[in-house]
């Protein structure tokens, strides 16, 4: 750009300019996964998100209530609603077998509505007036991201069992959050199989693991390429 505002981090990474915003925290909530949960469950946002773009939902990777050592296990996440009327999210959850667990989440957007604060800093995009930054909101601070996976286990046959582990070593705070928008049904490399079932993403502070079972004798070897992205609200850092 020839004029305007640009913010870069200490390593030279772009944080904010006339095209790129930051993720502003709109709301927070919690949900509980039952001990024997194995079906789709829905969570309503505290308030409808009226932005056109789909909001980003982050879930804390350790429960705030429930058995110690419980692991966040999700699959097939969907943000419910439509542009300008996002009402919540749903997913398939797997209980940990030792008791119910309760988890915190945050809802964030790139271009939020004007905050109610009476002073601070607010930046708008000149072309359309969209808010790029508003100091009246807390922002998501990104901690780590990867889409590098290694196949760590597989069993061939009519029913094939596959496991992928993150290929990059990392260690994060146990109270970090993970972006769940990317935990979707894999589509790359599974054409030709009869069915895909019992999929799940297990999220830890130092690794993530994706497992999947496939039935059918035809089809290519599957490939998991979705990213796992960790972040935290700025006021919890």
C-alpha atoms as a PDB file:
ATOM      1  CA  UNK A   1       0.000   0.000   0.000  1.00  0.00           C
ATOM      2  CA  UNK A   2       1.168   3.575  -0.680  1.00  0.00           C
ATOM      3  CA  UNK A   3      -0.296   5.078   2.494  1.00  0.00           C
ATOM      4  CA  UNK A   4      -2.169   4.018   5.625  1.00  0.00           C
ATOM      5  CA  UNK A   5      -1.251   1.967   8.691  1.00  0.00           C
ATOM      6  CA  UNK A   6       0.824  -1.200   8.958  1.00  0.00           C
ATOM      7  CA  UNK A   7       1.827  -3.076  12.106  1.00  0.00           C
ATOM      8  CA  UNK A   8       4.526  -5.775  12.168  1.00  0.00           C
ATOM      9  CA  UNK A   9       5.773  -8.073  14.930  1.00  0.00           C
ATOM     10  CA  UNK A  10       9.291  -8.311  16.303  1.00  0.00           C
ATOM     11  CA  UNK A  11      10.117 -11.020  13.741  1.00  0.00           C
ATOM     12  CA  UNK A  12       8.841  -8.945  10.846  1.00  0.00           C
ATOM     13  CA  UNK A  13       5.521 -10.768  10.512  1.00  0.00           C
ATOM     14  CA  UNK A  14       2.558  -8.711   9.361  1.00  0.00           C
ATOM     15  CA  UNK A  15      -0.055  -8.213  12.077  1.00  0.00           C
ATOM     16  CA  UNK A  16      -2.307  -5.480  10.747  1.00  0.00           C
ATOM     17  CA  UNK A  17      -2.679  -3.359   7.622  1.00  0.00           C
ATOM     18  CA  UNK A  18      -5.446  -2.013   5.369  1.00  0.00           C
ATOM     19  CA  UNK A  19      -6.365  -5.527   4.147  1.00  0.00           C
ATOM     20  CA  UNK A  20      -5.604  -7.732   7.153  1.00  0.00           C
ATOM     21  CA  UNK A  21      -7.360  -7.442  10.491  1.00  0.00           C
ATOM     22  CA  UNK A  22      -6.867  -9.208  13.830  1.00  0.00           C
ATOM     23  CA  UNK A  23      -9.345 -11.559  15.483  1.00  0.00           C
ATOM     24  CA  UNK A  24     -11.473  -9.663  18.009  1.00  0.00           C
ATOM     25  CA  UNK A  25     -13.132 -11.601  20.844  1.00  0.00           C
ATOM     26  CA  UNK A  26     -16.898 -11.055  20.631  1.00  0.00           C
ATOM     27  CA  UNK A  27     -18.164 -13.458  23.274  1.00  0.00           C
ATOM     28  CA  UNK A  28     -17.308 -16.406  25.490  1.00  0.00           C
ATOM     29  CA  UNK A  29     -19.151 -19.422  26.763  1.00  0.00           C
ATOM     30  CA  UNK A  30     -18.888 -23.012  27.903  1.00  0.00           C
ATOM     31  CA  UNK A  31     -20.299 -26.434  27.075  1.00  0.00           C
ATOM     32  CA  UNK A  32     -20.288 -29.876  28.689  1.00  0.00           C
ATOM     33  CA  UNK A  33     -19.492 -33.207  27.022  1.00  0.00           C
ATOM     34  CA  UNK A  34     -21.124 -36.177  28.705  1.00  0.00           C
ATOM     35  CA  UNK A  35     -19.159 -39.217  29.830  1.00  0.00           C
ATOM     36  CA  UNK A  36     -20.596 -41.442  27.109  1.00  0.00           C
ATOM     37  CA  UNK A  37     -21.180 -38.752  24.481  1.00  0.00           C
ATOM     38  CA  UNK A  38     -20.756 -40.055  20.937  1.00  0.00           C
ATOM     39  CA  UNK A  39     -23.230 -38.061  18.848  1.00  0.00           C
ATOM     40  CA  UNK A  40     -23.562 -34.557  17.430  1.00  0.00           C
ATOM     41  CA  UNK A  41     -24.151 -31.770  19.935  1.00  0.00           C
ATOM     42  CA  UNK A  42     -24.947 -28.096  19.416  1.00  0.00           C
ATOM     43  CA  UNK A  43     -23.809 -24.996  21.294  1.00  0.00           C
ATOM     44  CA  UNK A  44     -25.610 -21.647  20.935  1.00  0.00           C
ATOM     45  CA  UNK A  45     -23.581 -18.431  20.916  1.00  0.00           C
ATOM     46  CA  UNK A  46     -24.372 -15.985  23.757  1.00  0.00           C
ATOM     47  CA  UNK A  47     -25.463 -13.557  21.025  1.00  0.00           C
ATOM     48  CA  UNK A  48     -25.985 -13.888  17.271  1.00  0.00           C
ATOM     49  CA  UNK A  49     -22.931 -12.875  15.225  1.00  0.00           C
ATOM     50  CA  UNK A  50     -24.112 -10.427  12.567  1.00  0.00           C
ATOM     51  CA  UNK A  51     -20.912 -10.252  10.496  1.00  0.00           C
ATOM     52  CA  UNK A  52     -21.003 -11.722   6.991  1.00  0.00           C
ATOM     53  CA  UNK A  53     -17.883 -13.842   7.443  1.00  0.00           C
ATOM     54  CA  UNK A  54     -18.079 -17.012   9.486  1.00  0.00           C
ATOM     55  CA  UNK A  55     -16.798 -16.451  13.045  1.00  0.00           C
ATOM     56  CA  UNK A  56     -13.754 -18.291  14.400  1.00  0.00           C
ATOM     57  CA  UNK A  57     -14.408 -20.508  17.413  1.00  0.00           C
ATOM     58  CA  UNK A  58     -11.602 -21.474  19.804  1.00  0.00           C
ATOM     59  CA  UNK A  59     -11.941 -24.069  22.584  1.00  0.00           C
ATOM     60  CA  UNK A  60      -9.601 -24.356  25.567  1.00  0.00           C
ATOM     61  CA  UNK A  61      -7.646 -27.611  25.339  1.00  0.00           C
ATOM     62  CA  UNK A  62      -8.092 -28.544  29.007  1.00  0.00           C
ATOM     63  CA  UNK A  63     -11.461 -28.757  30.778  1.00  0.00           C
ATOM     64  CA  UNK A  64     -12.246 -26.345  33.591  1.00  0.00           C
ATOM     65  CA  UNK A  65     -14.346 -29.026  35.249  1.00  0.00           C
ATOM     66  CA  UNK A  66     -14.139 -32.809  35.071  1.00  0.00           C
ATOM     67  CA  UNK A  67     -11.568 -35.598  35.401  1.00  0.00           C
ATOM     68  CA  UNK A  68      -7.949 -34.448  35.386  1.00  0.00           C
ATOM     69  CA  UNK A  69      -6.077 -35.369  32.240  1.00  0.00           C
ATOM     70  CA  UNK A  70      -9.202 -35.373  30.052  1.00  0.00           C
ATOM     71  CA  UNK A  71      -8.462 -34.773  26.372  1.00  0.00           C
ATOM     72  CA  UNK A  72     -10.479 -32.604  23.970  1.00  0.00           C
ATOM     73  CA  UNK A  73     -11.831 -34.953  21.280  1.00  0.00           C
ATOM     74  CA  UNK A  74     -13.888 -33.376  18.469  1.00  0.00           C
ATOM     75  CA  UNK A  75     -14.833 -34.021  14.879  1.00  0.00           C
ATOM     76  CA  UNK A  76     -16.922 -32.601  12.016  1.00  0.00           C
ATOM     77  CA  UNK A  77     -17.263 -29.061  13.418  1.00  0.00           C
ATOM     78  CA  UNK A  78     -19.821 -26.785  11.759  1.00  0.00           C
ATOM     79  CA  UNK A  79     -20.599 -23.129  12.435  1.00  0.00           C
ATOM     80  CA  UNK A  80     -24.387 -22.909  12.369  1.00  0.00           C
ATOM     81  CA  UNK A  81     -26.431 -20.161  10.735  1.00  0.00           C
ATOM     82  CA  UNK A  82     -25.793 -18.063   7.663  1.00  0.00           C
ATOM     83  CA  UNK A  83     -23.916 -14.869   6.717  1.00  0.00           C
ATOM     84  CA  UNK A  84     -25.125 -12.100   9.022  1.00  0.00           C
ATOM     85  CA  UNK A  85     -26.919 -14.583  11.274  1.00  0.00           C
ATOM     86  CA  UNK A  86     -24.416 -16.999  12.849  1.00  0.00           C
ATOM     87  CA  UNK A  87     -26.140 -18.617  15.809  1.00  0.00           C
ATOM     88  CA  UNK A  88     -23.731 -21.216  17.213  1.00  0.00           C
ATOM     89  CA  UNK A  89     -21.664 -24.278  16.375  1.00  0.00           C
ATOM     90  CA  UNK A  90     -22.076 -28.040  16.425  1.00  0.00           C
ATOM     91  CA  UNK A  91     -19.743 -31.003  16.397  1.00  0.00           C
ATOM     92  CA  UNK A  92     -19.410 -34.694  17.059  1.00  0.00           C
ATOM     93  CA  UNK A  93     -17.859 -35.171  20.504  1.00  0.00           C
ATOM     94  CA  UNK A  94     -16.467 -38.257  22.179  1.00  0.00           C
ATOM     95  CA  UNK A  95     -16.742 -38.626  25.949  1.00  0.00           C
ATOM     96  CA  UNK A  96     -13.604 -39.665  27.838  1.00  0.00           C
ATOM     97  CA  UNK A  97     -15.259 -42.552  29.700  1.00  0.00           C
ATOM     98  CA  UNK A  98     -14.391 -41.253  33.180  1.00  0.00           C
ATOM     99  CA  UNK A  99     -17.016 -38.544  33.612  1.00  0.00           C
ATOM    100  CA  UNK A 100     -18.512 -35.391  32.120  1.00  0.00           C
ATOM    101  CA  UNK A 101     -16.130 -32.583  31.128  1.00  0.00           C
ATOM    102  CA  UNK A 102     -16.814 -28.850  30.770  1.00  0.00           C
ATOM    103  CA  UNK A 103     -14.919 -26.663  28.304  1.00  0.00           C
ATOM    104  CA  UNK A 104     -14.580 -22.905  27.709  1.00  0.00           C
ATOM    105  CA  UNK A 105     -14.759 -21.355  24.249  1.00  0.00           C
ATOM    106  CA  UNK A 106     -14.427 -17.922  22.647  1.00  0.00           C
ATOM    107  CA  UNK A 107     -16.049 -16.512  19.509  1.00  0.00           C
ATOM    108  CA  UNK A 108     -13.974 -14.106  17.416  1.00  0.00           C
ATOM    109  CA  UNK A 109     -14.275 -12.165  14.147  1.00  0.00           C
ATOM    110  CA  UNK A 110     -11.943 -10.138  11.958  1.00  0.00           C
ATOM    111  CA  UNK A 111     -14.212  -7.142  11.344  1.00  0.00           C
ATOM    112  CA  UNK A 112     -16.287  -6.566  14.492  1.00  0.00           C
ATOM    113  CA  UNK A 113     -19.084  -4.076  15.067  1.00  0.00           C
ATOM    114  CA  UNK A 114     -18.135  -0.826  16.745  1.00  0.00           C
ATOM    115  CA  UNK A 115     -17.419  -1.369  20.438  1.00  0.00           C
ATOM    116  CA  UNK A 116     -19.108   0.627  23.196  1.00  0.00           C
ATOM    117  CA  UNK A 117     -15.907   2.090  24.614  1.00  0.00           C
ATOM    118  CA  UNK A 118     -15.745   5.877  24.806  1.00  0.00           C
ATOM    119  CA  UNK A 119     -11.990   6.168  24.141  1.00  0.00           C
ATOM    120  CA  UNK A 120      -9.149   4.137  22.643  1.00  0.00           C
ATOM    121  CA  UNK A 121      -8.106   3.407  19.062  1.00  0.00           C
ATOM    122  CA  UNK A 122     -10.243   2.275  16.138  1.00  0.00           C
ATOM    123  CA  UNK A 123      -8.997   1.697  12.586  1.00  0.00           C
ATOM    124  CA  UNK A 124     -11.276   1.330   9.568  1.00  0.00           C
ATOM    125  CA  UNK A 125     -10.600   0.191   6.013  1.00  0.00           C
ATOM    126  CA  UNK A 126     -10.899   3.177   3.706  1.00  0.00           C
ATOM    127  CA  UNK A 127     -12.566   1.283   0.869  1.00  0.00           C
ATOM    128  CA  UNK A 128     -15.581  -0.073   2.763  1.00  0.00           C
ATOM    129  CA  UNK A 129     -15.462   1.323   6.294  1.00  0.00           C
ATOM    130  CA  UNK A 130     -14.984  -2.125   7.878  1.00  0.00           C
ATOM    131  CA  UNK A 131     -13.307  -2.060  11.304  1.00  0.00           C
ATOM    132  CA  UNK A 132      -9.788  -3.527  11.193  1.00  0.00           C
ATOM    133  CA  UNK A 133      -8.925  -2.887  14.833  1.00  0.00           C
ATOM    134  CA  UNK A 134     -10.934  -1.743  17.831  1.00  0.00           C
ATOM    135  CA  UNK A 135      -9.219  -1.466  21.211  1.00  0.00           C
ATOM    136  CA  UNK A 136     -12.586  -1.987  22.892  1.00  0.00           C
ATOM    137  CA  UNK A 137     -12.185  -5.731  22.254  1.00  0.00           C
ATOM    138  CA  UNK A 138      -9.649  -8.251  23.438  1.00  0.00           C
ATOM    139  CA  UNK A 139      -7.811  -9.958  20.564  1.00  0.00           C
ATOM    140  CA  UNK A 140      -6.687 -13.523  19.927  1.00  0.00           C
ATOM    141  CA  UNK A 141      -2.943 -14.025  20.263  1.00  0.00           C
ATOM    142  CA  UNK A 142      -1.711 -16.827  18.010  1.00  0.00           C
ATOM    143  CA  UNK A 143       0.730 -19.233  19.660  1.00  0.00           C
ATOM    144  CA  UNK A 144       1.487 -21.997  17.169  1.00  0.00           C
ATOM    145  CA  UNK A 145       0.171 -23.554  13.967  1.00  0.00           C
ATOM    146  CA  UNK A 146       1.110 -26.534  11.819  1.00  0.00           C
ATOM    147  CA  UNK A 147      -0.328 -28.686   9.062  1.00  0.00           C
ATOM    148  CA  UNK A 148       2.594 -31.127   8.967  1.00  0.00           C
ATOM    149  CA  UNK A 149       1.447 -34.650   9.871  1.00  0.00           C
ATOM    150  CA  UNK A 150       3.160 -38.029   9.998  1.00  0.00           C
ATOM    151  CA  UNK A 151       1.345 -41.351   9.674  1.00  0.00           C
ATOM    152  CA  UNK A 152       2.160 -43.008  12.996  1.00  0.00           C
ATOM    153  CA  UNK A 153       0.013 -46.126  12.712  1.00  0.00           C
ATOM    154  CA  UNK A 154      -2.043 -47.897  10.080  1.00  0.00           C
ATOM    155  CA  UNK A 155      -3.709 -51.260   9.600  1.00  0.00           C
ATOM    156  CA  UNK A 156      -4.534 -52.520   6.134  1.00  0.00           C
ATOM    157  CA  UNK A 157      -7.431 -54.722   5.043  1.00  0.00           C
ATOM    158  CA  UNK A 158     -11.108 -54.307   4.291  1.00  0.00           C
ATOM    159  CA  UNK A 159     -11.290 -52.046   7.354  1.00  0.00           C
ATOM    160  CA  UNK A 160      -8.333 -49.681   7.425  1.00  0.00           C
ATOM    161  CA  UNK A 161      -7.286 -47.839  10.561  1.00  0.00           C
ATOM    162  CA  UNK A 162      -5.119 -44.735  10.240  1.00  0.00           C
ATOM    163  CA  UNK A 163      -3.459 -42.440  12.778  1.00  0.00           C
ATOM    164  CA  UNK A 164      -1.627 -39.183  12.101  1.00  0.00           C
ATOM    165  CA  UNK A 165       0.477 -37.248  14.640  1.00  0.00           C
ATOM    166  CA  UNK A 166       1.745 -33.704  14.246  1.00  0.00           C
ATOM    167  CA  UNK A 167       5.239 -33.827  12.759  1.00  0.00           C
ATOM    168  CA  UNK A 168       6.565 -30.693  14.469  1.00  0.00           C
ATOM    169  CA  UNK A 169       7.656 -30.674  18.119  1.00  0.00           C
ATOM    170  CA  UNK A 170       6.081 -27.951  20.275  1.00  0.00           C
ATOM    171  CA  UNK A 171       5.062 -27.220  23.837  1.00  0.00           C
ATOM    172  CA  UNK A 172       2.296 -24.800  24.798  1.00  0.00           C
ATOM    173  CA  UNK A 173       0.521 -23.693  27.935  1.00  0.00           C
ATOM    174  CA  UNK A 174      -2.080 -26.173  29.132  1.00  0.00           C
ATOM    175  CA  UNK A 175      -4.720 -23.420  29.099  1.00  0.00           C
ATOM    176  CA  UNK A 176      -4.202 -22.551  25.425  1.00  0.00           C
ATOM    177  CA  UNK A 177      -7.122 -22.665  22.988  1.00  0.00           C
ATOM    178  CA  UNK A 178      -7.389 -24.471  19.649  1.00  0.00           C
ATOM    179  CA  UNK A 179      -9.272 -23.236  16.581  1.00  0.00           C
ATOM    180  CA  UNK A 180     -12.025 -25.774  15.888  1.00  0.00           C
ATOM    181  CA  UNK A 181     -13.217 -24.381  12.523  1.00  0.00           C
ATOM    182  CA  UNK A 182     -10.532 -26.505  10.837  1.00  0.00           C
ATOM    183  CA  UNK A 183     -11.694 -29.777  12.444  1.00  0.00           C
ATOM    184  CA  UNK A 184     -13.790 -30.883   9.488  1.00  0.00           C
ATOM    185  CA  UNK A 185     -14.495 -34.049   7.521  1.00  0.00           C
ATOM    186  CA  UNK A 186     -11.385 -34.945   5.476  1.00  0.00           C
ATOM    187  CA  UNK A 187     -11.973 -35.136   1.726  1.00  0.00           C
ATOM    188  CA  UNK A 188      -8.475 -35.582   0.327  1.00  0.00           C
ATOM    189  CA  UNK A 189      -7.552 -39.144  -0.572  1.00  0.00           C
ATOM    190  CA  UNK A 190     -10.669 -41.015   0.566  1.00  0.00           C
ATOM    191  CA  UNK A 191     -12.594 -41.294  -2.717  1.00  0.00           C
ATOM    192  CA  UNK A 192     -13.680 -44.837  -3.546  1.00  0.00           C
ATOM    193  CA  UNK A 193     -14.171 -46.092  -0.024  1.00  0.00           C
ATOM    194  CA  UNK A 194     -17.550 -47.285   1.196  1.00  0.00           C
ATOM    195  CA  UNK A 195     -17.591 -45.322   4.450  1.00  0.00           C
ATOM    196  CA  UNK A 196     -15.484 -43.242   6.806  1.00  0.00           C
ATOM    197  CA  UNK A 197     -16.311 -43.616  10.478  1.00  0.00           C
ATOM    198  CA  UNK A 198     -15.008 -43.170  14.026  1.00  0.00           C
ATOM    199  CA  UNK A 199     -12.874 -40.156  13.083  1.00  0.00           C
ATOM    200  CA  UNK A 200     -11.567 -37.882  15.835  1.00  0.00           C
ATOM    201  CA  UNK A 201      -8.977 -35.188  16.526  1.00  0.00           C
ATOM    202  CA  UNK A 202      -7.269 -35.432  19.924  1.00  0.00           C
ATOM    203  CA  UNK A 203      -5.755 -32.093  21.014  1.00  0.00           C
ATOM    204  CA  UNK A 204      -2.928 -31.798  23.571  1.00  0.00           C
ATOM    205  CA  UNK A 205      -0.592 -28.950  24.574  1.00  0.00           C
ATOM    206  CA  UNK A 206       2.375 -30.575  22.828  1.00  0.00           C
ATOM    207  CA  UNK A 207       0.842 -32.577  19.976  1.00  0.00           C
ATOM    208  CA  UNK A 208      -2.350 -33.412  18.134  1.00  0.00           C
ATOM    209  CA  UNK A 209      -3.510 -36.777  16.821  1.00  0.00           C
ATOM    210  CA  UNK A 210      -6.090 -37.556  14.155  1.00  0.00           C
ATOM    211  CA  UNK A 211      -7.559 -41.041  13.818  1.00  0.00           C
ATOM    212  CA  UNK A 212      -9.852 -42.448  11.142  1.00  0.00           C
ATOM    213  CA  UNK A 213     -11.293 -45.789  10.083  1.00  0.00           C
ATOM    214  CA  UNK A 214     -12.295 -46.563   6.490  1.00  0.00           C
ATOM    215  CA  UNK A 215     -14.246 -49.500   5.106  1.00  0.00           C
ATOM    216  CA  UNK A 216     -13.951 -50.718   1.523  1.00  0.00           C
ATOM    217  CA  UNK A 217     -11.299 -52.385  -0.586  1.00  0.00           C
ATOM    218  CA  UNK A 218     -11.016 -49.685  -3.236  1.00  0.00           C
ATOM    219  CA  UNK A 219      -9.654 -46.177  -3.083  1.00  0.00           C
ATOM    220  CA  UNK A 220      -6.310 -44.499  -2.543  1.00  0.00           C
ATOM    221  CA  UNK A 221      -4.512 -44.086   0.751  1.00  0.00           C
ATOM    222  CA  UNK A 222      -6.045 -41.255   2.773  1.00  0.00           C
ATOM    223  CA  UNK A 223      -4.232 -38.049   3.581  1.00  0.00           C
ATOM    224  CA  UNK A 224      -4.931 -35.623   6.432  1.00  0.00           C
ATOM    225  CA  UNK A 225      -3.868 -32.038   5.711  1.00  0.00           C
ATOM    226  CA  UNK A 226      -5.970 -29.796   7.957  1.00  0.00           C
ATOM    227  CA  UNK A 227      -4.039 -27.320  10.147  1.00  0.00           C
ATOM    228  CA  UNK A 228      -4.100 -27.267  13.938  1.00  0.00           C
ATOM    229  CA  UNK A 229      -3.946 -23.683  15.250  1.00  0.00           C
ATOM    230  CA  UNK A 230      -3.465 -22.597  18.869  1.00  0.00           C
ATOM    231  CA  UNK A 231      -4.180 -19.138  20.317  1.00  0.00           C
ATOM    232  CA  UNK A 232      -5.283 -17.348  23.496  1.00  0.00           C
ATOM    233  CA  UNK A 233      -7.371 -14.244  24.278  1.00  0.00           C
ATOM    234  CA  UNK A 234      -5.068 -11.333  25.074  1.00  0.00           C
ATOM    235  CA  UNK A 235      -6.559 -10.843  28.551  1.00  0.00           C
ATOM    236  CA  UNK A 236      -5.811 -14.456  29.532  1.00  0.00           C
ATOM    237  CA  UNK A 237      -2.177 -14.391  28.454  1.00  0.00           C
END
